[in-house]
Amino acid sequence: MARKKSAKRKRAAKAKKKVVSAKEQKTIDTIHLVFEILVAVGFAIGIIPFGYLFSMWWVIPMALVSMMISVIWNKKTLTFDIVTFVMAMISLVPVLGYIGRIVGLITAVITAKKLF
């Protein structure tokens, strides 16, 4: 009898851990989605002439944090986050940066769609 109770308790504990893990995963997904949306908005602002001077100083840190979230939580969006971060760095170049901003906007939107 004691073995059956302990086995039931173990299964209940595992089920409880899965619920907590699912809640944490949903929270992290929501935070990651917000970061990706803000990065996409920053890239959109950067397409406006001289708008990148305003937006890139918060797009680069957010793209970096988004990439770290993907690495830590083992997300499937890691490649898109790496491309987004590289495009954020390239977008600091005034003329060549337009290509980086457009590609970064596209990758940020694709990542946000995957998270949604």
PDB file of N, CA and C in Angstrom:
ATOM      1  N   MET A   1       0.803  -1.193   0.000  1.00  0.00           N
ATOM      2  CA  MET A   1       0.000   0.000   0.000  1.00  0.00           C
ATOM      3  C   MET A   1       0.854   1.269   0.000  1.00  0.00           C
ATOM      4  N   ALA A   2       1.915   1.238   0.777  1.00  0.00           N
ATOM      5  CA  ALA A   2       2.758   2.418   0.879  1.00  0.00           C
ATOM      6  C   ALA A   2       3.414   2.741  -0.462  1.00  0.00           C
ATOM      7  N   ARG A   3       3.753   1.718  -1.222  1.00  0.00           N
ATOM      8  CA  ARG A   3       4.378   1.958  -2.517  1.00  0.00           C
ATOM      9  C   ARG A   3       3.413   2.634  -3.484  1.00  0.00           C
ATOM     10  N   LYS A   4       2.159   2.220  -3.467  1.00  0.00           N
ATOM     11  CA  LYS A   4       1.179   2.811  -4.363  1.00  0.00           C
ATOM     12  C   LYS A   4       0.958   4.281  -4.033  1.00  0.00           C
ATOM     13  N   LYS A   5       0.918   4.608  -2.760  1.00  0.00           N
ATOM     14  CA  LYS A   5       0.734   5.998  -2.373  1.00  0.00           C
ATOM     15  C   LYS A   5       1.931   6.844  -2.795  1.00  0.00           C
ATOM     16  N   SER A   6       3.128   6.312  -2.626  1.00  0.00           N
ATOM     17  CA  SER A   6       4.297   7.091  -2.997  1.00  0.00           C
ATOM     18  C   SER A   6       4.365   7.260  -4.520  1.00  0.00           C
ATOM     19  N   ALA A   7       3.959   6.245  -5.265  1.00  0.00           N
ATOM     20  CA  ALA A   7       3.942   6.371  -6.719  1.00  0.00           C
ATOM     21  C   ALA A   7       2.922   7.414  -7.150  1.00  0.00           C
ATOM     22  N   LYS A   8       1.765   7.425  -6.498  1.00  0.00           N
ATOM     23  CA  LYS A   8       0.749   8.428  -6.805  1.00  0.00           C
ATOM     24  C   LYS A   8       1.248   9.824  -6.462  1.00  0.00           C
ATOM     25  N   ARG A   9       1.943   9.924  -5.346  1.00  0.00           N
ATOM     26  CA  ARG A   9       2.484  11.223  -4.942  1.00  0.00           C
ATOM     27  C   ARG A   9       3.525  11.714  -5.940  1.00  0.00           C
ATOM     28  N   LYS A  10       4.358  10.794  -6.435  1.00  0.00           N
ATOM     29  CA  LYS A  10       5.370  11.172  -7.418  1.00  0.00           C
ATOM     30  C   LYS A  10       4.717  11.667  -8.704  1.00  0.00           C
ATOM     31  N   ARG A  11       3.687  10.955  -9.168  1.00  0.00           N
ATOM     32  CA  ARG A  11       2.985  11.377 -10.376  1.00  0.00           C
ATOM     33  C   ARG A  11       2.318  12.734 -10.172  1.00  0.00           C
ATOM     34  N   ALA A  12       1.750  12.941  -8.987  1.00  0.00           N
ATOM     35  CA  ALA A  12       1.111  14.229  -8.694  1.00  0.00           C
ATOM     36  C   ALA A  12       2.144  15.346  -8.653  1.00  0.00           C
ATOM     37  N   ALA A  13       3.308  15.061  -8.086  1.00  0.00           N
ATOM     38  CA  ALA A  13       4.370  16.058  -8.035  1.00  0.00           C
ATOM     39  C   ALA A  13       4.866  16.394  -9.437  1.00  0.00           C
ATOM     40  N   LYS A  14       5.002  15.383 -10.296  1.00  0.00           N
ATOM     41  CA  LYS A  14       5.430  15.631 -11.678  1.00  0.00           C
ATOM     42  C   LYS A  14       4.390  16.457 -12.427  1.00  0.00           C
ATOM     43  N   ALA A  15       3.130  16.141 -12.228  1.00  0.00           N
ATOM     44  CA  ALA A  15       2.062  16.893 -12.888  1.00  0.00           C
ATOM     45  C   ALA A  15       2.063  18.340 -12.415  1.00  0.00           C
ATOM     46  N   LYS A  16       2.309  18.535 -11.128  1.00  0.00           N
ATOM     47  CA  LYS A  16       2.349  19.885 -10.579  1.00  0.00           C
ATOM     48  C   LYS A  16       3.529  20.662 -11.166  1.00  0.00           C
ATOM     49  N   LYS A  17       4.678  20.020 -11.327  1.00  0.00           N
ATOM     50  CA  LYS A  17       5.832  20.671 -11.920  1.00  0.00           C
ATOM     51  C   LYS A  17       5.558  21.064 -13.362  1.00  0.00           C
ATOM     52  N   LYS A  18       4.864  20.217 -14.104  1.00  0.00           N
ATOM     53  CA  LYS A  18       4.550  20.530 -15.491  1.00  0.00           C
ATOM     54  C   LYS A  18       3.640  21.749 -15.587  1.00  0.00           C
ATOM     55  N   VAL A  19       2.699  21.892 -14.662  1.00  0.00           N
ATOM     56  CA  VAL A  19       1.802  23.046 -14.664  1.00  0.00           C
ATOM     57  C   VAL A  19       2.594  24.313 -14.392  1.00  0.00           C
ATOM     58  N   VAL A  20       3.483  24.271 -13.426  1.00  0.00           N
ATOM     59  CA  VAL A  20       4.304  25.434 -13.105  1.00  0.00           C
ATOM     60  C   VAL A  20       5.212  25.755 -14.281  1.00  0.00           C
ATOM     61  N   SER A  21       5.767  24.751 -14.903  1.00  0.00           N
ATOM     62  CA  SER A  21       6.644  24.953 -16.042  1.00  0.00           C
ATOM     63  C   SER A  21       5.880  25.559 -17.214  1.00  0.00           C
ATOM     64  N   ALA A  22       4.656  25.116 -17.421  1.00  0.00           N
ATOM     65  CA  ALA A  22       3.844  25.667 -18.503  1.00  0.00           C
ATOM     66  C   ALA A  22       3.510  27.130 -18.243  1.00  0.00           C
ATOM     67  N   LYS A  23       3.242  27.470 -16.977  1.00  0.00           N
ATOM     68  CA  LYS A  23       2.970  28.863 -16.637  1.00  0.00           C
ATOM     69  C   LYS A  23       4.208  29.726 -16.867  1.00  0.00           C
ATOM     70  N   GLU A  24       5.359  29.212 -16.447  1.00  0.00           N
ATOM     71  CA  GLU A  24       6.599  29.952 -16.649  1.00  0.00           C
ATOM     72  C   GLU A  24       6.885  30.117 -18.137  1.00  0.00           C
ATOM     73  N   GLN A  25       6.661  29.064 -18.900  1.00  0.00           N
ATOM     74  CA  GLN A  25       6.911  29.115 -20.334  1.00  0.00           C
ATOM     75  C   GLN A  25       5.996  30.141 -21.005  1.00  0.00           C
ATOM     76  N   LYS A  26       4.756  30.187 -20.594  1.00  0.00           N
ATOM     77  CA  LYS A  26       3.820  31.146 -21.163  1.00  0.00           C
ATOM     78  C   LYS A  26       4.243  32.577 -20.820  1.00  0.00           C
ATOM     79  N   THR A  27       4.705  32.784 -19.606  1.00  0.00           N
ATOM     80  CA  THR A  27       5.170  34.108 -19.195  1.00  0.00           C
ATOM     81  C   THR A  27       6.392  34.530 -19.997  1.00  0.00           C
ATOM     82  N   ILE A  28       7.347  33.621 -20.149  1.00  0.00           N
ATOM     83  CA  ILE A  28       8.552  33.933 -20.916  1.00  0.00           C
ATOM     84  C   ILE A  28       8.197  34.187 -22.379  1.00  0.00           C
ATOM     85  N   ASP A  29       7.263  33.408 -22.933  1.00  0.00           N
ATOM     86  CA  ASP A  29       6.833  33.636 -24.313  1.00  0.00           C
ATOM     87  C   ASP A  29       6.205  35.015 -24.474  1.00  0.00           C
ATOM     88  N   THR A  30       5.419  35.432 -23.481  1.00  0.00           N
ATOM     89  CA  THR A  30       4.794  36.753 -23.540  1.00  0.00           C
ATOM     90  C   THR A  30       5.843  37.856 -23.469  1.00  0.00           C
ATOM     91  N   ILE A  31       6.803  37.715 -22.582  1.00  0.00           N
ATOM     92  CA  ILE A  31       7.880  38.710 -22.470  1.00  0.00           C
ATOM     93  C   ILE A  31       8.682  38.762 -23.763  1.00  0.00           C
ATOM     94  N   HIS A  32       8.989  37.600 -24.318  1.00  0.00           N
ATOM     95  CA  HIS A  32       9.743  37.534 -25.566  1.00  0.00           C
ATOM     96  C   HIS A  32       8.957  38.177 -26.703  1.00  0.00           C
ATOM     97  N   LEU A  33       7.648  37.955 -26.737  1.00  0.00           N
ATOM     98  CA  LEU A  33       6.798  38.554 -27.764  1.00  0.00           C
ATOM     99  C   LEU A  33       6.799  40.073 -27.666  1.00  0.00           C
ATOM    100  N   VAL A  34       6.725  40.601 -26.442  1.00  0.00           N
ATOM    101  CA  VAL A  34       6.748  42.055 -26.249  1.00  0.00           C
ATOM    102  C   VAL A  34       8.071  42.634 -26.727  1.00  0.00           C
ATOM    103  N   PHE A  35       9.179  41.963 -26.406  1.00  0.00           N
ATOM    104  CA  PHE A  35      10.478  42.434 -26.863  1.00  0.00           C
ATOM    105  C   PHE A  35      10.548  42.441 -28.390  1.00  0.00           C
ATOM    106  N   GLU A  36      10.050  41.393 -29.028  1.00  0.00           N
ATOM    107  CA  GLU A  36      10.106  41.321 -30.490  1.00  0.00           C
ATOM    108  C   GLU A  36       9.239  42.390 -31.136  1.00  0.00           C
ATOM    109  N   ILE A  37       8.078  42.665 -30.555  1.00  0.00           N
ATOM    110  CA  ILE A  37       7.220  43.719 -31.103  1.00  0.00           C
ATOM    111  C   ILE A  37       7.905  45.077 -30.986  1.00  0.00           C
ATOM    112  N   LEU A  38       8.533  45.338 -29.839  1.00  0.00           N
ATOM    113  CA  LEU A  38       9.230  46.613 -29.661  1.00  0.00           C
ATOM    114  C   LEU A  38      10.436  46.733 -30.592  1.00  0.00           C
ATOM    115  N   VAL A  39      11.120  45.626 -30.845  1.00  0.00           N
ATOM    116  CA  VAL A  39      12.239  45.642 -31.788  1.00  0.00           C
ATOM    117  C   VAL A  39      11.721  45.940 -33.195  1.00  0.00           C
ATOM    118  N   ALA A  40      10.604  45.328 -33.580  1.00  0.00           N
ATOM    119  CA  ALA A  40      10.025  45.583 -34.902  1.00  0.00           C
ATOM    120  C   ALA A  40       9.596  47.043 -35.045  1.00  0.00           C
ATOM    121  N   VAL A  41       9.012  47.607 -33.982  1.00  0.00           N
ATOM    122  CA  VAL A  41       8.620  49.020 -34.010  1.00  0.00           C
ATOM    123  C   VAL A  41       9.857  49.905 -34.140  1.00  0.00           C
ATOM    124  N   GLY A  42      10.913  49.551 -33.437  1.00  0.00           N
ATOM    125  CA  GLY A  42      12.155  50.320 -33.531  1.00  0.00           C
ATOM    126  C   GLY A  42      12.756  50.279 -34.925  1.00  0.00           C
ATOM    127  N   PHE A  43      12.723  49.120 -35.566  1.00  0.00           N
ATOM    128  CA  PHE A  43      13.199  49.033 -36.947  1.00  0.00           C
ATOM    129  C   PHE A  43      12.320  49.858 -37.879  1.00  0.00           C
ATOM    130  N   ALA A  44      11.010  49.865 -37.635  1.00  0.00           N
ATOM    131  CA  ALA A  44      10.101  50.668 -38.465  1.00  0.00           C
ATOM    132  C   ALA A  44      10.389  52.157 -38.304  1.00  0.00           C
ATOM    133  N   ILE A  45      10.654  52.585 -37.078  1.00  0.00           N
ATOM    134  CA  ILE A  45      11.028  53.988 -36.844  1.00  0.00           C
ATOM    135  C   ILE A  45      12.363  54.286 -37.518  1.00  0.00           C
ATOM    136  N   GLY A  46      13.261  53.322 -37.528  1.00  0.00           N
ATOM    137  CA  GLY A  46      14.573  53.516 -38.130  1.00  0.00           C
ATOM    138  C   GLY A  46      14.538  53.697 -39.631  1.00  0.00           C
ATOM    139  N   ILE A  47      13.474  53.271 -40.280  1.00  0.00           N
ATOM    140  CA  ILE A  47      13.367  53.462 -41.730  1.00  0.00           C
ATOM    141  C   ILE A  47      13.143  54.935 -42.071  1.00  0.00           C
ATOM    142  N   ILE A  48      12.526  55.675 -41.159  1.00  0.00           N
ATOM    143  CA  ILE A  48      12.359  57.116 -41.348  1.00  0.00           C
ATOM    144  C   ILE A  48      13.750  57.754 -41.336  1.00  0.00           C
ATOM    145  N   PRO A  49      14.030  58.703 -42.245  1.00  0.00           N
ATOM    146  CA  PRO A  49      15.358  59.329 -42.238  1.00  0.00           C
ATOM    147  C   PRO A  49      15.712  59.905 -40.865  1.00  0.00           C
ATOM    148  N   PHE A  50      16.882  59.573 -40.405  1.00  0.00           N
ATOM    149  CA  PHE A  50      17.441  59.951 -39.110  1.00  0.00           C
ATOM    150  C   PHE A  50      16.643  59.408 -37.925  1.00  0.00           C
ATOM    151  N   GLY A  51      15.690  58.565 -38.176  1.00  0.00           N
ATOM    152  CA  GLY A  51      14.940  57.931 -37.086  1.00  0.00           C
ATOM    153  C   GLY A  51      15.768  56.877 -36.385  1.00  0.00           C
ATOM    154  N   TYR A  52      16.757  56.328 -37.099  1.00  0.00           N
ATOM    155  CA  TYR A  52      17.603  55.300 -36.484  1.00  0.00           C
ATOM    156  C   TYR A  52      18.436  55.877 -35.352  1.00  0.00           C
ATOM    157  N   LEU A  53      18.730  57.161 -35.399  1.00  0.00           N
ATOM    158  CA  LEU A  53      19.495  57.776 -34.304  1.00  0.00           C
ATOM    159  C   LEU A  53      18.713  57.716 -32.996  1.00  0.00           C
ATOM    160  N   PHE A  54      17.400  57.753 -33.081  1.00  0.00           N
ATOM    161  CA  PHE A  54      16.550  57.664 -31.898  1.00  0.00           C
ATOM    162  C   PHE A  54      16.311  56.214 -31.481  1.00  0.00           C
ATOM    163  N   SER A  55      15.982  55.364 -32.444  1.00  0.00           N
ATOM    164  CA  SER A  55      15.489  54.035 -32.091  1.00  0.00           C
ATOM    165  C   SER A  55      16.583  52.989 -31.860  1.00  0.00           C
ATOM    166  N   MET A  56      17.717  53.139 -32.457  1.00  0.00           N
ATOM    167  CA  MET A  56      18.720  52.077 -32.366  1.00  0.00           C
ATOM    168  C   MET A  56      19.304  51.914 -30.966  1.00  0.00           C
ATOM    169  N   TRP A  57      19.200  52.935 -30.153  1.00  0.00           N
ATOM    170  CA  TRP A  57      19.769  52.822 -28.813  1.00  0.00           C
ATOM    171  C   TRP A  57      18.894  52.005 -27.881  1.00  0.00           C
ATOM    172  N   TRP A  58      17.674  51.698 -28.286  1.00  0.00           N
ATOM    173  CA  TRP A  58      16.886  50.747 -27.511  1.00  0.00           C
ATOM    174  C   TRP A  58      16.581  49.486 -28.307  1.00  0.00           C
ATOM    175  N   VAL A  59      16.780  49.519 -29.613  1.00  0.00           N
ATOM    176  CA  VAL A  59      16.580  48.303 -30.412  1.00  0.00           C
ATOM    177  C   VAL A  59      17.721  47.313 -30.179  1.00  0.00           C
ATOM    178  N   ILE A  60      18.932  47.794 -30.149  1.00  0.00           N
ATOM    179  CA  ILE A  60      20.086  46.901 -29.977  1.00  0.00           C
ATOM    180  C   ILE A  60      20.029  46.169 -28.627  1.00  0.00           C
ATOM    181  N   PRO A  61      19.807  46.851 -27.493  1.00  0.00           N
ATOM    182  CA  PRO A  61      19.705  46.099 -26.232  1.00  0.00           C
ATOM    183  C   PRO A  61      18.520  45.127 -26.195  1.00  0.00           C
ATOM    184  N   MET A  62      17.385  45.530 -26.771  1.00  0.00           N
ATOM    185  CA  MET A  62      16.233  44.625 -26.778  1.00  0.00           C
ATOM    186  C   MET A  62      16.464  43.419 -27.667  1.00  0.00           C
ATOM    187  N   ALA A  63      17.140  43.614 -28.786  1.00  0.00           N
ATOM    188  CA  ALA A  63      17.461  42.478 -29.655  1.00  0.00           C
ATOM    189  C   ALA A  63      18.435  41.539 -28.937  1.00  0.00           C
ATOM    190  N   LEU A  64      19.366  42.105 -28.196  1.00  0.00           N
ATOM    191  CA  LEU A  64      20.304  41.283 -27.430  1.00  0.00           C
ATOM    192  C   LEU A  64      19.586  40.489 -26.338  1.00  0.00           C
ATOM    193  N   VAL A  65      18.683  41.128 -25.617  1.00  0.00           N
ATOM    194  CA  VAL A  65      17.925  40.436 -24.568  1.00  0.00           C
ATOM    195  C   VAL A  65      17.040  39.353 -25.183  1.00  0.00           C
ATOM    196  N   SER A  66      16.434  39.647 -26.305  1.00  0.00           N
ATOM    197  CA  SER A  66      15.605  38.657 -26.993  1.00  0.00           C
ATOM    198  C   SER A  66      16.432  37.451 -27.415  1.00  0.00           C
ATOM    199  N   MET A  67      17.640  37.708 -27.877  1.00  0.00           N
ATOM    200  CA  MET A  67      18.528  36.618 -28.257  1.00  0.00           C
ATOM    201  C   MET A  67      18.930  35.795 -27.030  1.00  0.00           C
ATOM    202  N   MET A  68      19.169  36.456 -25.911  1.00  0.00           N
ATOM    203  CA  MET A  68      19.521  35.726 -24.689  1.00  0.00           C
ATOM    204  C   MET A  68      18.358  34.886 -24.175  1.00  0.00           C
ATOM    205  N   ILE A  69      17.146  35.406 -24.294  1.00  0.00           N
ATOM    206  CA  ILE A  69      15.964  34.626 -23.902  1.00  0.00           C
ATOM    207  C   ILE A  69      15.880  33.369 -24.755  1.00  0.00           C
ATOM    208  N   SER A  70      16.162  33.508 -26.042  1.00  0.00           N
ATOM    209  CA  SER A  70      16.124  32.341 -26.926  1.00  0.00           C
ATOM    210  C   SER A  70      17.185  31.319 -26.553  1.00  0.00           C
ATOM    211  N   VAL A  71      18.352  31.787 -26.162  1.00  0.00           N
ATOM    212  CA  VAL A  71      19.430  30.870 -25.793  1.00  0.00           C
ATOM    213  C   VAL A  71      19.115  30.183 -24.461  1.00  0.00           C
ATOM    214  N   ILE A  72      18.691  30.950 -23.470  1.00  0.00           N
ATOM    215  CA  ILE A  72      18.459  30.396 -22.142  1.00  0.00           C
ATOM    216  C   ILE A  72      17.276  29.443 -22.129  1.00  0.00           C
ATOM    217  N   TRP A  73      16.183  29.808 -22.776  1.00  0.00           N
ATOM    218  CA  TRP A  73      14.968  29.004 -22.732  1.00  0.00           C
ATOM    219  C   TRP A  73      14.864  28.036 -23.906  1.00  0.00           C
ATOM    220  N   ASN A  74      15.933  27.910 -24.692  1.00  0.00           N
ATOM    221  CA  ASN A  74      16.007  26.938 -25.780  1.00  0.00           C
ATOM    222  C   ASN A  74      14.820  27.088 -26.735  1.00  0.00           C
ATOM    223  N   LYS A  75      14.685  28.284 -27.272  1.00  0.00           N
ATOM    224  CA  LYS A  75      13.590  28.584 -28.192  1.00  0.00           C
ATOM    225  C   LYS A  75      13.943  28.141 -29.603  1.00  0.00           C
ATOM    226  N   LYS A  76      12.919  27.979 -30.422  1.00  0.00           N
ATOM    227  CA  LYS A  76      13.124  27.636 -31.819  1.00  0.00           C
ATOM    228  C   LYS A  76      13.382  28.877 -32.668  1.00  0.00           C
ATOM    229  N   THR A  77      13.350  30.040 -32.061  1.00  0.00           N
ATOM    230  CA  THR A  77      13.524  31.289 -32.793  1.00  0.00           C
ATOM    231  C   THR A  77      14.942  31.839 -32.692  1.00  0.00           C
ATOM    232  N   LEU A  78      15.877  31.031 -32.268  1.00  0.00           N
ATOM    233  CA  LEU A  78      17.238  31.520 -32.035  1.00  0.00           C
ATOM    234  C   LEU A  78      17.882  32.056 -33.306  1.00  0.00           C
ATOM    235  N   THR A  79      17.731  31.375 -34.424  1.00  0.00           N
ATOM    236  CA  THR A  79      18.369  31.846 -35.655  1.00  0.00           C
ATOM    237  C   THR A  79      17.801  33.200 -36.083  1.00  0.00           C
ATOM    238  N   PHE A  80      16.491  33.374 -35.968  1.00  0.00           N
ATOM    239  CA  PHE A  80      15.903  34.660 -36.309  1.00  0.00           C
ATOM    240  C   PHE A  80      16.363  35.753 -35.347  1.00  0.00           C
ATOM    241  N   ASP A  81      16.518  35.411 -34.061  1.00  0.00           N
ATOM    242  CA  ASP A  81      16.990  36.400 -33.093  1.00  0.00           C
ATOM    243  C   ASP A  81      18.437  36.801 -33.353  1.00  0.00           C
ATOM    244  N   ILE A  82      19.251  35.854 -33.775  1.00  0.00           N
ATOM    245  CA  ILE A  82      20.642  36.183 -34.115  1.00  0.00           C
ATOM    246  C   ILE A  82      20.686  37.104 -35.326  1.00  0.00           C
ATOM    247  N   VAL A  83      19.878  36.786 -36.339  1.00  0.00           N
ATOM    248  CA  VAL A  83      19.823  37.638 -37.540  1.00  0.00           C
ATOM    249  C   VAL A  83      19.314  39.024 -37.174  1.00  0.00           C
ATOM    250  N   THR A  84      18.314  39.105 -36.315  1.00  0.00           N
ATOM    251  CA  THR A  84      17.779  40.400 -35.889  1.00  0.00           C
ATOM    252  C   THR A  84      18.842  41.219 -35.165  1.00  0.00           C
ATOM    253  N   PHE A  85      19.617  40.575 -34.304  1.00  0.00           N
ATOM    254  CA  PHE A  85      20.666  41.300 -33.582  1.00  0.00           C
ATOM    255  C   PHE A  85      21.758  41.782 -34.535  1.00  0.00           C
ATOM    256  N   VAL A  86      22.153  40.938 -35.478  1.00  0.00           N
ATOM    257  CA  VAL A  86      23.175  41.344 -36.455  1.00  0.00           C
ATOM    258  C   VAL A  86      22.659  42.502 -37.303  1.00  0.00           C
ATOM    259  N   MET A  87      21.393  42.439 -37.695  1.00  0.00           N
ATOM    260  CA  MET A  87      20.816  43.532 -38.478  1.00  0.00           C
ATOM    261  C   MET A  87      20.717  44.815 -37.658  1.00  0.00           C
ATOM    262  N   ALA A  88      20.489  44.691 -36.357  1.00  0.00           N
ATOM    263  CA  ALA A  88      20.476  45.877 -35.495  1.00  0.00           C
ATOM    264  C   ALA A  88      21.853  46.524 -35.454  1.00  0.00           C
ATOM    265  N   MET A  89      22.899  45.702 -35.453  1.00  0.00           N
ATOM    266  CA  MET A  89      24.254  46.261 -35.471  1.00  0.00           C
ATOM    267  C   MET A  89      24.571  46.890 -36.832  1.00  0.00           C
ATOM    268  N   ILE A  90      24.159  46.236 -37.909  1.00  0.00           N
ATOM    269  CA  ILE A  90      24.415  46.761 -39.256  1.00  0.00           C
ATOM    270  C   ILE A  90      23.615  48.041 -39.501  1.00  0.00           C
ATOM    271  N   SER A  91      22.461  48.146 -38.878  1.00  0.00           N
ATOM    272  CA  SER A  91      21.599  49.298 -39.141  1.00  0.00           C
ATOM    273  C   SER A  91      22.163  50.605 -38.603  1.00  0.00           C
ATOM    274  N   LEU A  92      23.233  50.562 -37.850  1.00  0.00           N
ATOM    275  CA  LEU A  92      23.871  51.802 -37.392  1.00  0.00           C
ATOM    276  C   LEU A  92      24.594  52.527 -38.515  1.00  0.00           C
ATOM    277  N   VAL A  93      24.924  51.804 -39.582  1.00  0.00           N
ATOM    278  CA  VAL A  93      25.572  52.428 -40.742  1.00  0.00           C
ATOM    279  C   VAL A  93      24.505  53.246 -41.468  1.00  0.00           C
ATOM    280  N   PRO A  94      24.742  54.533 -41.707  1.00  0.00           N
ATOM    281  CA  PRO A  94      23.676  55.389 -42.234  1.00  0.00           C
ATOM    282  C   PRO A  94      23.049  54.925 -43.561  1.00  0.00           C
ATOM    283  N   VAL A  95      23.804  54.689 -44.608  1.00  0.00           N
ATOM    284  CA  VAL A  95      23.209  54.356 -45.907  1.00  0.00           C
ATOM    285  C   VAL A  95      22.952  52.857 -46.024  1.00  0.00           C
ATOM    286  N   LEU A  96      23.922  52.043 -45.683  1.00  0.00           N
ATOM    287  CA  LEU A  96      23.780  50.596 -45.751  1.00  0.00           C
ATOM    288  C   LEU A  96      22.760  50.089 -44.729  1.00  0.00           C
ATOM    289  N   GLY A  97      22.512  50.878 -43.711  1.00  0.00           N
ATOM    290  CA  GLY A  97      21.618  50.477 -42.639  1.00  0.00           C
ATOM    291  C   GLY A  97      20.173  50.288 -43.054  1.00  0.00           C
ATOM    292  N   TYR A  98      19.748  50.924 -44.156  1.00  0.00           N
ATOM    293  CA  TYR A  98      18.360  50.742 -44.604  1.00  0.00           C
ATOM    294  C   TYR A  98      18.067  49.285 -44.924  1.00  0.00           C
ATOM    295  N   ILE A  99      19.014  48.623 -45.553  1.00  0.00           N
ATOM    296  CA  ILE A  99      18.838  47.197 -45.849  1.00  0.00           C
ATOM    297  C   ILE A  99      18.760  46.404 -44.546  1.00  0.00           C
ATOM    298  N   GLY A 100      19.639  46.716 -43.614  1.00  0.00           N
ATOM    299  CA  GLY A 100      19.632  46.050 -42.316  1.00  0.00           C
ATOM    300  C   GLY A 100      18.341  46.289 -41.548  1.00  0.00           C
ATOM    301  N   ARG A 101      17.811  47.517 -41.630  1.00  0.00           N
ATOM    302  CA  ARG A 101      16.569  47.827 -40.930  1.00  0.00           C
ATOM    303  C   ARG A 101      15.378  47.090 -41.532  1.00  0.00           C
ATOM    304  N   ILE A 102      15.336  47.002 -42.843  1.00  0.00           N
ATOM    305  CA  ILE A 102      14.235  46.298 -43.503  1.00  0.00           C
ATOM    306  C   ILE A 102      14.302  44.800 -43.203  1.00  0.00           C
ATOM    307  N   VAL A 103      15.496  44.220 -43.323  1.00  0.00           N
ATOM    308  CA  VAL A 103      15.648  42.787 -43.024  1.00  0.00           C
ATOM    309  C   VAL A 103      15.372  42.527 -41.537  1.00  0.00           C
ATOM    310  N   GLY A 104      15.844  43.406 -40.670  1.00  0.00           N
ATOM    311  CA  GLY A 104      15.590  43.265 -39.235  1.00  0.00           C
ATOM    312  C   GLY A 104      14.113  43.361 -38.906  1.00  0.00           C
ATOM    313  N   LEU A 105      13.406  44.270 -39.582  1.00  0.00           N
ATOM    314  CA  LEU A 105      11.966  44.384 -39.385  1.00  0.00           C
ATOM    315  C   LEU A 105      11.257  43.101 -39.797  1.00  0.00           C
ATOM    316  N   ILE A 106      11.654  42.542 -40.916  1.00  0.00           N
ATOM    317  CA  ILE A 106      11.041  41.304 -41.405  1.00  0.00           C
ATOM    318  C   ILE A 106      11.309  40.146 -40.445  1.00  0.00           C
ATOM    319  N   THR A 107      12.551  40.000 -39.997  1.00  0.00           N
ATOM    320  CA  THR A 107      12.865  38.889 -39.084  1.00  0.00           C
ATOM    321  C   THR A 107      12.192  39.055 -37.727  1.00  0.00           C
ATOM    322  N   ALA A 108      12.070  40.303 -37.238  1.00  0.00           N
ATOM    323  CA  ALA A 108      11.387  40.534 -35.969  1.00  0.00           C
ATOM    324  C   ALA A 108       9.898  40.194 -36.077  1.00  0.00           C
ATOM    325  N   VAL A 109       9.302  40.519 -37.199  1.00  0.00           N
ATOM    326  CA  VAL A 109       7.883  40.190 -37.401  1.00  0.00           C
ATOM    327  C   VAL A 109       7.687  38.675 -37.512  1.00  0.00           C
ATOM    328  N   ILE A 110       8.589  37.993 -38.219  1.00  0.00           N
ATOM    329  CA  ILE A 110       8.501  36.543 -38.341  1.00  0.00           C
ATOM    330  C   ILE A 110       8.637  35.885 -36.966  1.00  0.00           C
ATOM    331  N   THR A 111       9.574  36.360 -36.161  1.00  0.00           N
ATOM    332  CA  THR A 111       9.758  35.812 -34.815  1.00  0.00           C
ATOM    333  C   THR A 111       8.531  36.056 -33.952  1.00  0.00           C
ATOM    334  N   ALA A 112       7.959  37.260 -34.049  1.00  0.00           N
ATOM    335  CA  ALA A 112       6.756  37.584 -33.270  1.00  0.00           C
ATOM    336  C   ALA A 112       5.592  36.690 -33.694  1.00  0.00           C
ATOM    337  N   LYS A 113       5.491  36.396 -34.997  1.00  0.00           N
ATOM    338  CA  LYS A 113       4.432  35.503 -35.471  1.00  0.00           C
ATOM    339  C   LYS A 113       4.622  34.090 -34.918  1.00  0.00           C
ATOM    340  N   LYS A 114       5.875  33.641 -34.840  1.00  0.00           N
ATOM    341  CA  LYS A 114       6.137  32.303 -34.293  1.00  0.00           C
ATOM    342  C   LYS A 114       5.801  32.240 -32.812  1.00  0.00           C
ATOM    343  N   LEU A 115       5.992  33.328 -32.096  1.00  0.00           N
ATOM    344  CA  LEU A 115       5.704  33.351 -30.662  1.00  0.00           C
ATOM    345  C   LEU A 115       4.226  33.537 -30.374  1.00  0.00           C
ATOM    346  N   PHE A 116       3.514  34.118 -31.311  1.00  0.00           N
ATOM    347  CA  PHE A 116       2.099  34.370 -31.099  1.00  0.00           C
ATOM    348  C   PHE A 116       1.331  33.126 -31.398  1.00  0.00           C
TER     349      PHE A 116
END
